[in-house]
Amino acid sequence: NSGHYTIDACVTSQFEQQVRAVCGLPLGSPEQVRPAAMVNLLGDLWAEGTPRWAAALADPRVKLHLYGKREARPGRKMGHLCALAASLDEARDAALAARRALAGS
């Protein structure tokens, strides 16, 4: 799961690399182009209803990835947020703030 940040922060994501490898295509660059931080979204966030998506996405550095699971349960990974920033500290702070915003705290 820690590699999910590659979707937003790298030239070629871990998922694209897998498709390339399986298809016999040349691998892409794994270079990380921006510092990124990722936080998991667990089913606990849905306990009080639908999370506050707009509040979390008010920061343009934050990207939302939901996995399309129908039922949220405590501890079940439902998606993740990835924040990109000029530094790792800024990315971490943005990701954590967005997760807090989802819950309204």
N, C-alpha and C. Protein backbone atom coordinates (compact mmCIF):
# COMPACT_ATOMS: atom_id res chain seq x y z
N ASN A 1 0.80 -1.20 0.00
CA ASN A 1 0.00 0.00 0.00
C ASN A 1 0.84 1.26 0.00
N SER A 2 2.03 1.20 0.52
CA SER A 2 2.84 2.41 0.60
C SER A 2 3.21 2.94 -0.77
N GLY A 3 3.13 2.12 -1.79
CA GLY A 3 3.47 2.55 -3.14
C GLY A 3 2.37 3.30 -3.86
N HIS A 4 1.19 3.44 -3.24
CA HIS A 4 0.09 4.14 -3.91
C HIS A 4 0.45 5.59 -4.23
N TYR A 5 1.39 6.17 -3.50
CA TYR A 5 1.78 7.55 -3.80
C TYR A 5 2.34 7.68 -5.21
N THR A 6 2.81 6.57 -5.78
CA THR A 6 3.42 6.63 -7.11
C THR A 6 2.42 7.06 -8.19
N ILE A 7 1.12 6.87 -7.93
CA ILE A 7 0.09 7.28 -8.90
C ILE A 7 0.21 8.77 -9.18
N ASP A 8 0.44 9.55 -8.15
CA ASP A 8 0.46 11.01 -8.28
C ASP A 8 1.85 11.61 -8.31
N ALA A 9 2.83 10.94 -7.72
CA ALA A 9 4.12 11.60 -7.49
C ALA A 9 5.26 11.13 -8.39
N CYS A 10 5.05 10.07 -9.16
CA CYS A 10 6.15 9.52 -9.96
C CYS A 10 5.86 9.60 -11.45
N VAL A 11 6.92 9.59 -12.23
CA VAL A 11 6.76 9.60 -13.68
C VAL A 11 5.92 8.40 -14.12
N THR A 12 6.24 7.22 -13.59
CA THR A 12 5.50 6.00 -13.91
C THR A 12 5.07 5.35 -12.61
N SER A 13 3.78 5.12 -12.45
CA SER A 13 3.27 4.54 -11.20
C SER A 13 3.61 3.06 -11.10
N GLN A 14 3.50 2.52 -9.88
CA GLN A 14 3.74 1.09 -9.68
C GLN A 14 2.76 0.27 -10.51
N PHE A 15 1.55 0.78 -10.71
CA PHE A 15 0.53 0.04 -11.44
C PHE A 15 0.84 0.01 -12.93
N GLU A 16 1.27 1.15 -13.47
CA GLU A 16 1.67 1.18 -14.87
C GLU A 16 2.89 0.29 -15.10
N GLN A 17 3.84 0.30 -14.16
CA GLN A 17 5.02 -0.56 -14.30
C GLN A 17 4.61 -2.03 -14.40
N GLN A 18 3.64 -2.43 -13.58
CA GLN A 18 3.19 -3.82 -13.60
C GLN A 18 2.58 -4.18 -14.96
N VAL A 19 1.75 -3.30 -15.49
CA VAL A 19 1.15 -3.55 -16.81
C VAL A 19 2.24 -3.63 -17.87
N ARG A 20 3.19 -2.72 -17.82
CA ARG A 20 4.29 -2.74 -18.79
C ARG A 20 5.06 -4.06 -18.71
N ALA A 21 5.36 -4.50 -17.49
CA ALA A 21 6.13 -5.74 -17.32
C ALA A 21 5.36 -6.94 -17.84
N VAL A 22 4.08 -7.04 -17.51
CA VAL A 22 3.26 -8.18 -17.94
C VAL A 22 3.12 -8.20 -19.47
N CYS A 23 3.08 -7.02 -20.07
CA CYS A 23 2.89 -6.92 -21.53
C CYS A 23 4.20 -6.95 -22.30
N GLY A 24 5.32 -7.10 -21.59
CA GLY A 24 6.62 -7.13 -22.26
C GLY A 24 7.05 -5.78 -22.80
N LEU A 25 6.53 -4.71 -22.24
CA LEU A 25 6.89 -3.36 -22.67
C LEU A 25 8.04 -2.84 -21.82
N PRO A 26 8.78 -1.86 -22.34
CA PRO A 26 9.86 -1.30 -21.54
C PRO A 26 9.30 -0.62 -20.29
N LEU A 27 10.01 -0.75 -19.19
CA LEU A 27 9.58 -0.10 -17.96
C LEU A 27 9.79 1.41 -18.08
N GLY A 28 8.92 2.16 -17.41
CA GLY A 28 9.04 3.61 -17.40
C GLY A 28 9.94 4.07 -16.26
N SER A 29 10.18 5.34 -16.24
CA SER A 29 11.02 5.91 -15.18
C SER A 29 10.27 5.87 -13.85
N PRO A 30 10.91 5.36 -12.79
CA PRO A 30 10.28 5.37 -11.47
C PRO A 30 10.55 6.67 -10.71
N GLU A 31 11.16 7.64 -11.38
CA GLU A 31 11.56 8.88 -10.70
C GLU A 31 10.37 9.56 -10.01
N GLN A 32 10.60 9.94 -8.77
CA GLN A 32 9.60 10.72 -8.04
C GLN A 32 9.81 12.18 -8.42
N VAL A 33 8.76 12.82 -8.91
CA VAL A 33 8.90 14.19 -9.40
C VAL A 33 8.55 15.25 -8.36
N ARG A 34 7.83 14.85 -7.30
CA ARG A 34 7.48 15.77 -6.21
C ARG A 34 7.41 15.00 -4.91
N PRO A 35 7.73 15.65 -3.80
CA PRO A 35 7.52 15.01 -2.50
C PRO A 35 6.02 14.74 -2.30
N ALA A 36 5.73 13.60 -1.70
CA ALA A 36 4.33 13.19 -1.51
C ALA A 36 4.17 12.48 -0.18
N ALA A 37 2.96 12.55 0.34
CA ALA A 37 2.58 11.81 1.54
C ALA A 37 1.19 11.25 1.32
N MET A 38 0.97 10.04 1.83
CA MET A 38 -0.29 9.35 1.64
C MET A 38 -0.88 8.96 2.99
N VAL A 39 -2.19 9.07 3.11
CA VAL A 39 -2.89 8.59 4.31
C VAL A 39 -4.04 7.69 3.86
N ASN A 40 -4.20 6.59 4.56
CA ASN A 40 -5.29 5.66 4.27
C ASN A 40 -6.62 6.22 4.76
N LEU A 41 -7.68 5.85 4.07
CA LEU A 41 -9.04 6.19 4.49
C LEU A 41 -9.73 4.89 4.87
N LEU A 42 -9.98 4.74 6.16
CA LEU A 42 -10.61 3.53 6.67
C LEU A 42 -12.11 3.74 6.83
N GLY A 43 -12.83 2.64 6.84
CA GLY A 43 -14.28 2.67 6.93
C GLY A 43 -14.81 3.43 8.13
N ASP A 44 -14.00 3.60 9.15
CA ASP A 44 -14.40 4.35 10.35
C ASP A 44 -14.88 5.76 9.99
N LEU A 45 -14.32 6.33 8.92
CA LEU A 45 -14.69 7.69 8.51
C LEU A 45 -16.16 7.80 8.12
N TRP A 46 -16.78 6.69 7.76
CA TRP A 46 -18.18 6.69 7.31
C TRP A 46 -19.15 6.48 8.48
N ALA A 47 -18.66 6.32 9.68
CA ALA A 47 -19.51 6.02 10.84
C ALA A 47 -20.58 7.09 11.08
N GLU A 48 -20.25 8.33 10.79
CA GLU A 48 -21.20 9.44 11.00
C GLU A 48 -21.84 9.90 9.70
N GLY A 49 -21.76 9.08 8.66
CA GLY A 49 -22.31 9.45 7.36
C GLY A 49 -21.20 9.64 6.34
N THR A 50 -21.53 10.25 5.24
CA THR A 50 -20.57 10.46 4.16
C THR A 50 -19.48 11.44 4.60
N PRO A 51 -18.22 11.08 4.38
CA PRO A 51 -17.13 12.00 4.73
C PRO A 51 -17.27 13.33 3.98
N ARG A 52 -16.65 14.35 4.50
CA ARG A 52 -16.72 15.70 3.93
C ARG A 52 -15.69 15.86 2.81
N TRP A 53 -16.01 15.31 1.64
CA TRP A 53 -15.07 15.30 0.51
C TRP A 53 -14.62 16.71 0.14
N ALA A 54 -15.56 17.64 0.02
CA ALA A 54 -15.20 19.00 -0.41
C ALA A 54 -14.21 19.65 0.55
N ALA A 55 -14.37 19.41 1.83
CA ALA A 55 -13.45 19.99 2.81
C ALA A 55 -12.04 19.44 2.63
N ALA A 56 -11.93 18.14 2.38
CA ALA A 56 -10.61 17.53 2.20
C ALA A 56 -9.96 17.99 0.90
N LEU A 57 -10.77 18.20 -0.13
CA LEU A 57 -10.22 18.56 -1.44
C LEU A 57 -10.12 20.06 -1.65
N ALA A 58 -10.36 20.84 -0.61
CA ALA A 58 -10.21 22.29 -0.73
C ALA A 58 -8.75 22.67 -0.99
N ASP A 59 -7.84 21.83 -0.56
CA ASP A 59 -6.41 22.04 -0.81
C ASP A 59 -6.08 21.40 -2.16
N PRO A 60 -5.67 22.19 -3.15
CA PRO A 60 -5.42 21.64 -4.49
C PRO A 60 -4.25 20.66 -4.56
N ARG A 61 -3.46 20.58 -3.49
CA ARG A 61 -2.34 19.63 -3.47
C ARG A 61 -2.79 18.23 -3.12
N VAL A 62 -4.05 18.07 -2.71
CA VAL A 62 -4.55 16.78 -2.23
C VAL A 62 -5.35 16.08 -3.31
N LYS A 63 -5.07 14.80 -3.50
CA LYS A 63 -5.77 13.95 -4.46
C LYS A 63 -6.49 12.84 -3.70
N LEU A 64 -7.72 12.55 -4.12
CA LEU A 64 -8.55 11.51 -3.49
C LEU A 64 -8.60 10.28 -4.38
N HIS A 65 -8.40 9.12 -3.78
CA HIS A 65 -8.50 7.84 -4.49
C HIS A 65 -9.42 6.93 -3.68
N LEU A 66 -10.59 6.62 -4.24
CA LEU A 66 -11.53 5.69 -3.60
C LEU A 66 -11.50 4.39 -4.38
N TYR A 67 -11.68 3.28 -3.68
CA TYR A 67 -11.51 1.96 -4.28
C TYR A 67 -12.81 1.32 -4.73
N GLY A 68 -13.92 2.02 -4.64
CA GLY A 68 -15.18 1.51 -5.16
C GLY A 68 -15.83 0.41 -4.33
N LYS A 69 -15.44 0.30 -3.09
CA LYS A 69 -16.05 -0.71 -2.21
C LYS A 69 -17.43 -0.23 -1.78
N ARG A 70 -18.38 -1.13 -1.80
CA ARG A 70 -19.77 -0.76 -1.50
C ARG A 70 -20.04 -0.54 -0.02
N GLU A 71 -19.40 -1.32 0.83
CA GLU A 71 -19.71 -1.28 2.26
C GLU A 71 -18.51 -0.83 3.07
N ALA A 72 -18.72 0.22 3.85
CA ALA A 72 -17.67 0.70 4.76
C ALA A 72 -17.83 0.00 6.11
N ARG A 73 -16.70 -0.53 6.60
CA ARG A 73 -16.68 -1.16 7.94
C ARG A 73 -15.46 -0.62 8.67
N PRO A 74 -15.53 -0.56 10.00
CA PRO A 74 -14.37 -0.11 10.76
C PRO A 74 -13.13 -0.92 10.39
N GLY A 75 -12.05 -0.21 10.11
CA GLY A 75 -10.79 -0.85 9.77
C GLY A 75 -10.63 -1.24 8.31
N ARG A 76 -11.70 -1.19 7.53
CA ARG A 76 -11.61 -1.58 6.11
C ARG A 76 -11.06 -0.41 5.31
N LYS A 77 -10.03 -0.69 4.50
CA LYS A 77 -9.42 0.36 3.69
C LYS A 77 -10.33 0.67 2.51
N MET A 78 -10.82 1.90 2.48
CA MET A 78 -11.77 2.34 1.47
C MET A 78 -11.11 3.20 0.39
N GLY A 79 -9.94 3.72 0.68
CA GLY A 79 -9.24 4.58 -0.27
C GLY A 79 -8.06 5.24 0.40
N HIS A 80 -7.54 6.26 -0.26
CA HIS A 80 -6.44 7.03 0.33
C HIS A 80 -6.43 8.45 -0.21
N LEU A 81 -5.76 9.31 0.52
CA LEU A 81 -5.47 10.67 0.09
C LEU A 81 -3.98 10.75 -0.17
N CYS A 82 -3.60 11.47 -1.20
CA CYS A 82 -2.19 11.71 -1.48
C CYS A 82 -2.01 13.22 -1.62
N ALA A 83 -1.05 13.76 -0.91
CA ALA A 83 -0.76 15.18 -1.00
C ALA A 83 0.62 15.38 -1.60
N LEU A 84 0.72 16.30 -2.53
CA LEU A 84 1.98 16.66 -3.17
C LEU A 84 2.36 18.06 -2.70
N ALA A 85 3.63 18.29 -2.45
CA ALA A 85 4.07 19.61 -1.97
C ALA A 85 5.54 19.81 -2.30
N ALA A 86 6.04 20.97 -1.92
CA ALA A 86 7.44 21.30 -2.18
C ALA A 86 8.39 20.52 -1.29
N SER A 87 7.91 20.09 -0.12
CA SER A 87 8.75 19.31 0.79
C SER A 87 7.93 18.17 1.38
N LEU A 88 8.63 17.17 1.90
CA LEU A 88 7.94 16.04 2.52
C LEU A 88 7.14 16.48 3.74
N ASP A 89 7.69 17.39 4.53
CA ASP A 89 6.96 17.89 5.70
C ASP A 89 5.66 18.57 5.30
N GLU A 90 5.71 19.40 4.25
CA GLU A 90 4.50 20.08 3.78
C GLU A 90 3.48 19.08 3.25
N ALA A 91 3.95 18.07 2.53
CA ALA A 91 3.05 17.05 2.00
C ALA A 91 2.38 16.28 3.14
N ARG A 92 3.17 15.89 4.14
CA ARG A 92 2.61 15.17 5.29
C ARG A 92 1.56 16.01 5.99
N ASP A 93 1.89 17.27 6.24
CA ASP A 93 0.95 18.16 6.93
C ASP A 93 -0.35 18.33 6.13
N ALA A 94 -0.23 18.46 4.82
CA ALA A 94 -1.42 18.62 3.98
C ALA A 94 -2.27 17.36 3.98
N ALA A 95 -1.64 16.20 3.90
CA ALA A 95 -2.38 14.93 3.90
C ALA A 95 -3.11 14.72 5.22
N LEU A 96 -2.44 15.00 6.32
CA LEU A 96 -3.07 14.83 7.64
C LEU A 96 -4.21 15.84 7.85
N ALA A 97 -4.01 17.07 7.39
CA ALA A 97 -5.07 18.09 7.51
C ALA A 97 -6.29 17.69 6.69
N ALA A 98 -6.06 17.14 5.50
CA ALA A 98 -7.18 16.71 4.66
C ALA A 98 -7.94 15.56 5.30
N ARG A 99 -7.22 14.63 5.91
CA ARG A 99 -7.92 13.52 6.58
C ARG A 99 -8.73 14.03 7.76
N ARG A 100 -8.18 14.97 8.52
CA ARG A 100 -8.95 15.57 9.62
C ARG A 100 -10.20 16.28 9.09
N ALA A 101 -10.06 16.97 7.96
CA ALA A 101 -11.19 17.69 7.38
C ALA A 101 -12.31 16.74 6.95
N LEU A 102 -11.95 15.55 6.50
CA LEU A 102 -12.96 14.56 6.12
C LEU A 102 -13.90 14.24 7.27
N ALA A 103 -13.35 14.18 8.45
CA ALA A 103 -14.13 13.82 9.63
C ALA A 103 -14.76 15.03 10.31
N GLY A 104 -14.45 16.22 9.79
CA GLY A 104 -15.01 17.43 10.38
C GLY A 104 -14.31 17.88 11.63
N SER A 105 -13.06 17.43 11.80
CA SER A 105 -12.33 17.85 13.01
C SER A 105 -11.20 18.80 12.68
